[in-house]
Amino acid sequence: MSPALRVVVAPDSFGGALDSVATAEAIARGWASIRPDDTILQIPMADGGEGTLTAIHAASGDRVTRQVCATVDPLGRPIEAAWLAMEGGTAAFVELAEASGLARMSFAERNPANARIASTRGTGRVIRAALDAGARRIVVGLGGSATTDGGAGLLVELGLRLLDARGETLPDGGTSLATLDHVEVGDLDPRLAQTEIVIASDVTNPLTGSSGAAATFAPQKGADPDTVAELDAALVRWGAEIRRATGRDVTEVAGAGAAGGATAGLLGFTGAVVQSGVDEVAELVGLAAALQGADLVITGEGRADEQTLAGKAALGVARQARGIPVVLLCGGLGPGAEIVEASGAFAVVQPIIDRPLGLESAMADTERLLANATARLARSIGIGRRLGARR
């Protein structure tokens, strides 16, 4: 038997299938089934998107308390969503995906019609709940959204008024911003000006254009090419109105396109600042301490593609590992996966699929697939050590 290893398991969520806590548990279980004498440290990770709240809560114990409030999902249906009270209630963590995330919608609901009307209104209600509870520092984790409304719905819930040329209130959704004539800021919640708002995100896309919020992210939310064009044009109008109303030109700001452009809205109408989502979470969950003395790091995400190297949690973990071999387990390989493999950030990039499966079937079977893939990886560690011993 080869010497025992110290293995750090620090995955992101597998979007829509398993949160990062359940992902870490599945990986750890698979590894232990082959190498039960190894020390396994589970450090669920996130980049500000879906699963961030769960990862922070799991790592923080009684230092944070999970709160729940009534709100609405991206299509306006009543739901309850969680947020975290931190630092004795003076700070809060709000995850946009909790209320306004793609996981709130079924596969059938991810269609062009809903891509046009999906709104961040629900996240605005969660932020208001945090303000009502006394939070004066709010970290808003962005990612995994079902929306492309530039954060307009969020701001409407906090008092911003969006009006067309007739003075009528705009309906929810990104495409309605094309008819935006002007905004009224007089009723915007005054507590926002007294609150430190931190946007936790590692997305670098601008608000509009070929690499903007609509072009890059809307297709995965159900938008077809015509809808993408409509949403992008509407966000152009939104950016112009933000500049007219506030003097802030957010359209080309790196990261303004995060979460369907929600960063743009927050930067435009609040004093928000952007910080690395991965770094924010890593500090909160104690990743650096866990990595000390580690022999191997296993991270994971739903798909390895060109976005992996744009600041996702897996890359953040690899950067913090500083020379420790890092294995990336993924649900599948997407466009640009070859760049990920060639980057040198990961020792191995390994899809977990073990037989032909459609997306829905694979997502439903993610826990088993992860455990089995990790067991195969653990066996290969033993083979590698035996081969090395023979040389």
Protein backbone atom coordinates (compact mmCIF):
# COMPACT_ATOMS: atom_id res chain seq x y z
CA MET A 1 0.00 0.00 0.00
CA SER A 2 1.39 3.40 -0.94
CA PRO A 3 1.94 6.04 1.79
CA ALA A 4 -1.12 7.94 2.97
CA LEU A 5 -1.84 11.22 1.21
CA ARG A 6 -3.35 14.48 2.32
CA VAL A 7 -6.04 15.25 -0.28
CA VAL A 8 -7.92 18.55 -0.40
CA VAL A 9 -11.31 18.32 -2.13
CA ALA A 10 -12.30 21.85 -3.18
CA PRO A 11 -14.90 21.75 -5.97
CA ASP A 12 -17.39 24.26 -7.26
CA SER A 13 -21.01 23.18 -7.69
CA PHE A 14 -22.10 21.16 -10.69
CA GLY A 15 -24.67 23.76 -11.78
CA GLY A 16 -28.27 22.59 -11.48
CA ALA A 17 -27.20 19.10 -10.34
CA LEU A 18 -25.25 19.26 -7.06
CA ASP A 19 -24.15 22.14 -4.87
CA SER A 20 -20.49 22.34 -3.90
CA VAL A 21 -21.05 20.67 -0.52
CA ALA A 22 -22.72 17.63 -2.09
CA THR A 23 -20.09 17.60 -4.83
CA ALA A 24 -17.27 17.54 -2.27
CA GLU A 25 -18.99 14.74 -0.36
CA ALA A 26 -19.37 12.61 -3.50
CA ILE A 27 -15.71 13.11 -4.45
CA ALA A 28 -14.51 12.33 -0.93
CA ARG A 29 -16.65 9.19 -0.79
CA GLY A 30 -15.28 7.94 -4.10
CA TRP A 31 -11.69 8.55 -3.04
CA ALA A 32 -12.12 6.91 0.38
CA SER A 33 -13.63 3.81 -1.22
CA ILE A 34 -10.20 3.08 -2.75
CA ARG A 35 -7.81 4.83 -0.36
CA PRO A 36 -9.43 4.78 3.09
CA ASP A 37 -6.20 5.65 4.94
CA ASP A 38 -5.72 9.01 3.21
CA THR A 39 -6.60 12.26 4.96
CA ILE A 40 -9.37 13.99 3.02
CA LEU A 41 -10.25 17.62 3.69
CA GLN A 42 -13.51 18.84 2.17
CA ILE A 43 -13.45 22.58 1.35
CA PRO A 44 -16.48 23.29 -0.88
CA MET A 45 -15.74 26.27 -3.12
CA ALA A 46 -17.60 28.74 -5.31
CA ASP A 47 -16.93 31.87 -7.34
CA GLY A 48 -19.89 33.95 -6.22
CA GLY A 49 -22.42 32.09 -8.35
CA GLU A 50 -24.71 29.20 -7.59
CA GLY A 51 -23.71 27.34 -4.42
CA THR A 52 -21.63 30.12 -2.88
CA LEU A 53 -24.02 30.64 -0.01
CA THR A 54 -24.03 26.92 0.78
CA ALA A 55 -20.23 26.70 0.64
CA ILE A 56 -19.74 29.66 2.99
CA HIS A 57 -22.38 28.42 5.42
CA ALA A 58 -20.85 24.92 5.53
CA ALA A 59 -17.40 26.31 6.32
CA SER A 60 -18.39 29.04 8.76
CA GLY A 61 -20.35 27.14 11.37
CA ASP A 62 -21.97 29.39 13.96
CA ARG A 63 -20.12 32.45 12.68
CA VAL A 64 -22.96 33.00 10.22
CA THR A 65 -26.69 32.41 10.40
CA ARG A 66 -28.88 31.36 7.50
CA GLN A 67 -31.88 33.62 6.98
CA VAL A 68 -34.87 33.05 4.73
CA CYS A 69 -37.22 35.60 3.17
CA ALA A 70 -40.21 35.57 0.85
CA THR A 71 -39.40 36.65 -2.68
CA VAL A 72 -40.00 35.67 -6.32
CA ASP A 73 -38.14 33.55 -8.88
CA PRO A 74 -36.96 34.81 -12.31
CA LEU A 75 -40.49 34.48 -13.70
CA GLY A 76 -42.17 36.22 -10.78
CA ARG A 77 -43.47 33.14 -8.97
CA PRO A 78 -43.50 33.25 -5.15
CA ILE A 79 -40.60 31.41 -3.51
CA GLU A 80 -38.44 31.59 -0.40
CA ALA A 81 -34.75 32.37 -0.73
CA ALA A 82 -31.88 32.24 1.75
CA TRP A 83 -29.17 34.73 2.61
CA LEU A 84 -26.45 34.78 5.28
CA ALA A 85 -26.17 37.17 8.20
CA MET A 86 -22.52 37.67 9.16
CA GLU A 87 -20.45 39.65 11.65
CA GLY A 88 -23.20 39.75 14.24
CA GLY A 89 -25.78 40.86 11.69
CA THR A 90 -23.92 43.93 10.45
CA ALA A 91 -22.92 42.18 7.23
CA ALA A 92 -24.72 39.89 4.81
CA PHE A 93 -24.02 37.58 1.91
CA VAL A 94 -26.64 37.50 -0.86
CA GLU A 95 -26.34 35.01 -3.70
CA LEU A 96 -28.14 36.21 -6.82
CA ALA A 97 -28.65 32.64 -8.03
CA GLU A 98 -30.60 31.81 -4.87
CA ALA A 99 -33.63 33.79 -6.06
CA SER A 100 -32.81 34.62 -9.69
CA GLY A 101 -30.80 31.59 -10.74
CA LEU A 102 -31.13 29.26 -13.68
CA ALA A 103 -31.69 26.38 -11.26
CA ARG A 104 -35.07 27.95 -10.40
CA MET A 105 -36.29 27.10 -13.91
CA SER A 106 -36.92 23.73 -15.50
CA PHE A 107 -35.28 22.78 -18.78
CA ALA A 108 -38.59 23.34 -20.58
CA GLU A 109 -38.79 26.87 -19.15
CA ARG A 110 -35.39 27.83 -20.57
CA ASN A 111 -36.78 29.13 -23.83
CA PRO A 112 -36.69 32.38 -25.83
CA ALA A 113 -39.95 33.70 -24.41
CA ASN A 114 -38.77 33.37 -20.82
CA ALA A 115 -35.26 34.61 -21.65
CA ARG A 116 -36.93 37.90 -22.66
CA ILE A 117 -38.86 38.39 -19.41
CA ALA A 118 -36.66 36.79 -16.72
CA SER A 119 -35.97 39.33 -13.97
CA THR A 120 -33.64 39.89 -11.02
CA ARG A 121 -36.54 41.36 -9.05
CA GLY A 122 -36.33 38.50 -6.54
CA THR A 123 -32.74 39.30 -5.65
CA GLY A 124 -33.74 42.89 -4.95
CA ARG A 125 -36.19 41.64 -2.34
CA VAL A 126 -33.47 39.56 -0.69
CA ILE A 127 -31.16 42.60 -0.53
CA ARG A 128 -33.99 44.61 1.00
CA ALA A 129 -34.46 41.90 3.64
CA ALA A 130 -30.76 42.14 4.50
CA LEU A 131 -31.03 45.92 4.77
CA ASP A 132 -34.10 45.58 6.98
CA ALA A 133 -32.15 43.23 9.25
CA GLY A 134 -29.47 45.87 9.79
CA ALA A 135 -26.75 44.84 7.34
CA ARG A 136 -24.52 47.72 6.32
CA ARG A 137 -22.06 45.64 4.33
CA ILE A 138 -23.60 43.37 1.72
CA VAL A 139 -21.62 41.01 -0.48
CA VAL A 140 -23.62 40.09 -3.58
CA GLY A 141 -22.40 36.91 -5.25
CA LEU A 142 -23.05 36.97 -8.98
CA GLY A 143 -23.29 34.04 -11.35
CA GLY A 144 -25.65 31.29 -12.42
CA SER A 145 -28.42 33.73 -13.27
CA ALA A 146 -31.46 33.00 -15.42
CA THR A 147 -31.66 36.68 -16.30
CA THR A 148 -30.36 39.22 -18.80
CA ASP A 149 -31.99 42.36 -17.42
CA GLY A 150 -28.89 44.32 -16.43
CA GLY A 151 -29.94 44.18 -12.78
CA ALA A 152 -32.94 46.39 -13.60
CA GLY A 153 -35.43 44.20 -11.72
CA LEU A 154 -33.20 44.17 -8.66
CA LEU A 155 -33.05 47.95 -8.64
CA VAL A 156 -36.79 48.34 -9.23
CA GLU A 157 -37.38 46.37 -6.02
CA LEU A 158 -35.12 48.86 -4.26
CA GLY A 159 -37.07 51.87 -5.50
CA LEU A 160 -35.75 52.73 -8.98
CA ARG A 161 -38.48 53.58 -11.49
CA LEU A 162 -38.10 52.61 -15.16
CA LEU A 163 -40.43 54.51 -17.48
CA ASP A 164 -41.18 54.53 -21.19
CA ALA A 165 -41.86 57.61 -23.32
CA ARG A 166 -45.47 57.73 -22.09
CA GLY A 167 -44.39 57.68 -18.46
CA GLU A 168 -45.59 54.12 -17.95
CA THR A 169 -43.65 51.57 -15.92
CA LEU A 170 -41.74 49.00 -17.94
CA PRO A 171 -42.64 45.34 -17.59
CA ASP A 172 -40.07 42.94 -16.19
CA GLY A 173 -37.31 41.45 -18.29
CA GLY A 174 -34.33 42.38 -20.39
CA THR A 175 -36.01 43.07 -23.71
CA SER A 176 -38.37 45.65 -22.21
CA LEU A 177 -35.33 47.88 -21.59
CA ALA A 178 -35.35 48.64 -25.32
CA THR A 179 -38.35 50.92 -24.66
CA LEU A 180 -36.75 52.65 -21.67
CA ASP A 181 -37.05 56.43 -21.95
CA HIS A 182 -35.84 57.54 -18.53
CA VAL A 183 -35.37 56.48 -14.93
CA GLU A 184 -36.45 58.14 -11.71
CA VAL A 185 -34.10 57.69 -8.76
CA GLY A 186 -35.96 59.71 -6.13
CA ASP A 187 -37.45 56.65 -4.43
CA LEU A 188 -34.26 54.56 -4.49
CA ASP A 189 -33.71 53.13 -0.99
CA PRO A 190 -31.56 55.72 0.83
CA ARG A 191 -29.89 52.97 2.87
CA LEU A 192 -28.00 51.93 -0.26
CA ALA A 193 -25.92 55.11 -0.05
CA GLN A 194 -24.92 54.19 3.51
CA THR A 195 -24.13 50.54 2.77
CA GLU A 196 -20.89 49.02 1.53
CA ILE A 197 -21.86 46.82 -1.40
CA VAL A 198 -19.32 44.33 -2.70
CA ILE A 199 -19.92 42.43 -5.94
CA ALA A 200 -18.23 39.02 -5.76
CA SER A 201 -17.56 37.99 -9.34
CA ASP A 202 -14.71 36.90 -11.59
CA VAL A 203 -16.47 37.42 -14.92
CA THR A 204 -14.66 39.90 -17.15
CA ASN A 205 -17.24 40.31 -19.92
CA PRO A 206 -18.51 43.81 -20.74
CA LEU A 207 -22.20 44.62 -20.72
CA THR A 208 -22.79 44.51 -24.49
CA GLY A 209 -21.30 43.41 -27.78
CA SER A 210 -19.91 40.14 -29.07
CA SER A 211 -18.52 39.18 -25.66
CA GLY A 212 -21.25 40.87 -23.64
CA ALA A 213 -23.88 39.51 -21.29
CA ALA A 214 -26.40 38.55 -23.95
CA ALA A 215 -24.04 37.11 -26.55
CA THR A 216 -22.02 35.08 -24.07
CA PHE A 217 -24.50 33.89 -21.49
CA ALA A 218 -28.08 34.26 -22.77
CA PRO A 219 -28.02 31.16 -25.01
CA GLN A 220 -27.61 28.91 -21.98
CA LYS A 221 -30.66 30.63 -20.50
CA GLY A 222 -32.83 29.71 -23.48
CA ALA A 223 -32.24 32.63 -25.84
CA ASP A 224 -32.12 31.92 -29.57
CA PRO A 225 -30.08 34.18 -31.91
CA ASP A 226 -32.95 36.63 -32.44
CA THR A 227 -33.51 36.91 -28.69
CA VAL A 228 -29.80 37.40 -28.07
CA ALA A 229 -29.83 40.33 -30.52
CA GLU A 230 -32.92 41.85 -28.83
CA LEU A 231 -31.38 41.50 -25.38
CA ASP A 232 -28.08 43.02 -26.46
CA ALA A 233 -29.83 46.02 -28.04
CA ALA A 234 -31.87 46.48 -24.88
CA LEU A 235 -28.73 46.41 -22.73
CA VAL A 236 -27.17 49.04 -24.99
CA ARG A 237 -30.16 51.26 -24.19
CA TRP A 238 -29.85 50.42 -20.48
CA GLY A 239 -26.17 51.36 -20.46
CA ALA A 240 -26.91 54.66 -22.18
CA GLU A 241 -29.60 55.53 -19.64
CA ILE A 242 -27.34 54.64 -16.71
CA ARG A 243 -24.78 57.06 -18.11
CA ARG A 244 -27.37 59.79 -18.67
CA ALA A 245 -28.88 59.41 -15.20
CA THR A 246 -25.70 58.97 -13.16
CA GLY A 247 -22.76 60.10 -15.28
CA ARG A 248 -21.25 56.62 -14.94
CA ASP A 249 -20.29 54.81 -18.12
CA VAL A 250 -20.49 51.15 -17.15
CA THR A 251 -20.99 49.59 -20.59
CA GLU A 252 -17.35 48.70 -21.24
CA VAL A 253 -16.33 48.07 -17.65
CA ALA A 254 -14.72 44.64 -17.35
CA GLY A 255 -17.21 42.38 -15.59
CA ALA A 256 -20.25 44.59 -16.21
CA GLY A 257 -21.86 41.67 -18.05
CA ALA A 258 -21.80 39.33 -15.06
CA ALA A 259 -25.13 37.70 -14.15
CA GLY A 260 -26.89 39.07 -17.20
CA GLY A 261 -25.46 42.54 -16.66
CA ALA A 262 -26.45 42.84 -13.00
CA THR A 263 -23.01 44.25 -12.24
CA ALA A 264 -23.71 47.16 -14.59
CA GLY A 265 -26.90 48.09 -12.76
CA LEU A 266 -25.29 47.89 -9.33
CA LEU A 267 -22.24 49.89 -10.41
CA GLY A 268 -24.49 52.48 -12.00
CA PHE A 269 -26.92 53.17 -9.18
CA THR A 270 -25.03 52.22 -6.00
CA GLY A 271 -21.52 52.65 -4.69
CA ALA A 272 -20.73 49.00 -5.32
CA VAL A 273 -17.20 47.76 -5.90
CA VAL A 274 -16.16 44.52 -7.61
CA GLN A 275 -13.90 41.97 -5.93
CA SER A 276 -12.79 38.52 -7.01
CA GLY A 277 -15.53 36.06 -6.13
CA VAL A 278 -13.11 33.16 -5.82
CA ASP A 279 -10.77 35.10 -3.54
CA GLU A 280 -13.67 36.29 -1.39
CA VAL A 281 -14.96 32.75 -0.93
CA ALA A 282 -11.49 31.24 -0.46
CA GLU A 283 -10.86 33.59 2.43
CA LEU A 284 -14.22 32.87 4.04
CA VAL A 285 -13.84 29.07 3.81
CA GLY A 286 -10.16 28.91 4.86
CA LEU A 287 -8.76 27.36 1.68
CA ALA A 288 -5.17 28.55 2.18
CA ALA A 289 -4.86 26.83 5.57
CA ALA A 290 -6.32 23.58 4.21
CA LEU A 291 -3.78 23.50 1.36
CA GLN A 292 -0.78 23.55 3.67
CA GLY A 293 0.92 20.17 3.45
CA ALA A 294 -1.47 18.81 0.81
CA ASP A 295 -0.26 16.18 -1.66
CA LEU A 296 -3.14 16.48 -4.10
CA VAL A 297 -6.04 18.81 -4.77
CA ILE A 298 -9.26 17.73 -6.49
CA THR A 299 -11.53 20.45 -7.78
CA GLY A 300 -14.53 20.27 -10.07
CA GLU A 301 -17.13 22.13 -12.10
CA GLY A 302 -20.03 21.32 -14.38
CA ARG A 303 -18.17 21.97 -17.64
CA ALA A 304 -14.56 22.67 -18.52
CA ASP A 305 -14.51 25.25 -21.32
CA GLU A 306 -13.09 28.63 -22.28
CA GLN A 307 -14.79 30.20 -19.24
CA THR A 308 -12.79 27.98 -16.86
CA LEU A 309 -9.71 30.12 -17.38
CA ALA A 310 -11.69 33.36 -17.09
CA GLY A 311 -11.69 33.26 -13.29
CA LYS A 312 -13.98 30.42 -12.28
CA ALA A 313 -13.60 28.69 -8.91
CA ALA A 314 -11.57 25.78 -10.31
CA LEU A 315 -8.87 28.13 -11.62
CA GLY A 316 -8.88 30.04 -8.33
CA VAL A 317 -8.24 26.80 -6.47
CA ALA A 318 -5.41 25.89 -8.85
CA ARG A 319 -3.77 29.28 -8.37
CA GLN A 320 -3.89 28.99 -4.60
CA ALA A 321 -2.49 25.44 -4.74
CA ARG A 322 0.90 26.84 -5.88
CA GLY A 323 2.63 23.74 -7.22
CA ILE A 324 0.43 21.06 -5.65
CA PRO A 325 -1.00 18.82 -8.40
CA VAL A 326 -4.62 19.76 -9.11
CA VAL A 327 -7.13 17.47 -10.83
CA LEU A 328 -10.21 19.04 -12.42
CA LEU A 329 -13.24 16.77 -12.60
CA CYS A 330 -15.96 18.07 -14.90
CA GLY A 331 -19.34 17.03 -16.22
CA GLY A 332 -18.13 17.49 -19.78
CA LEU A 333 -15.80 19.36 -22.10
CA GLY A 334 -17.03 22.46 -23.90
CA PRO A 335 -15.57 24.89 -26.46
CA GLY A 336 -12.03 25.81 -25.52
CA ALA A 337 -11.47 22.74 -23.33
CA GLU A 338 -8.23 22.04 -25.16
CA ILE A 339 -6.92 25.39 -23.95
CA VAL A 340 -7.76 24.43 -20.38
CA GLU A 341 -5.87 21.16 -20.75
CA ALA A 342 -2.86 22.90 -22.32
CA SER A 343 -2.77 25.75 -19.79
CA GLY A 344 -0.80 23.83 -17.20
CA ALA A 345 -3.16 24.96 -14.45
CA PHE A 346 -4.38 21.39 -13.93
CA ALA A 347 -2.45 18.14 -13.87
CA VAL A 348 -5.49 16.33 -15.27
CA VAL A 349 -8.81 17.50 -16.72
CA GLN A 350 -11.17 14.53 -16.44
CA PRO A 351 -14.84 14.30 -17.53
CA ILE A 352 -16.87 12.10 -15.20
CA ILE A 353 -19.25 10.59 -17.79
CA ASP A 354 -18.82 6.82 -17.99
CA ARG A 355 -21.37 5.98 -20.68
CA PRO A 356 -23.46 7.84 -23.30
CA LEU A 357 -25.93 10.06 -21.44
CA GLY A 358 -28.13 13.03 -22.34
CA LEU A 359 -27.69 16.21 -20.31
CA GLU A 360 -30.75 15.69 -18.12
CA SER A 361 -29.85 12.07 -17.40
CA ALA A 362 -26.25 13.01 -16.60
CA MET A 363 -27.33 15.77 -14.24
CA ALA A 364 -29.68 13.40 -12.44
CA ASP A 365 -26.82 10.92 -12.03
CA THR A 366 -24.07 13.38 -11.11
CA GLU A 367 -23.49 12.09 -7.58
CA ARG A 368 -22.77 8.52 -8.75
CA LEU A 369 -20.71 9.71 -11.70
CA LEU A 370 -18.52 11.87 -9.45
CA ALA A 371 -17.93 9.14 -6.89
CA ASN A 372 -17.06 6.58 -9.57
CA ALA A 373 -14.77 8.97 -11.46
CA THR A 374 -12.92 9.79 -8.26
CA ALA A 375 -12.55 6.11 -7.42
CA ARG A 376 -10.96 5.57 -10.85
CA LEU A 377 -8.64 8.50 -10.18
CA ALA A 378 -7.62 7.03 -6.80
CA ARG A 379 -6.78 3.72 -8.47
CA SER A 380 -4.62 5.54 -11.02
CA ILE A 381 -2.65 7.18 -8.19
CA GLY A 382 -1.69 3.74 -6.95
CA ILE A 383 -0.69 2.62 -10.44
CA GLY A 384 1.48 5.70 -10.93
CA ARG A 385 3.29 5.13 -7.65
CA ARG A 386 3.96 1.49 -8.49
CA LEU A 387 5.31 2.44 -11.91
CA GLY A 388 7.54 5.05 -10.34
CA ALA A 389 8.88 2.53 -7.86
CA ARG A 390 9.94 0.21 -10.71
CA ARG A 391 12.12 2.82 -12.40
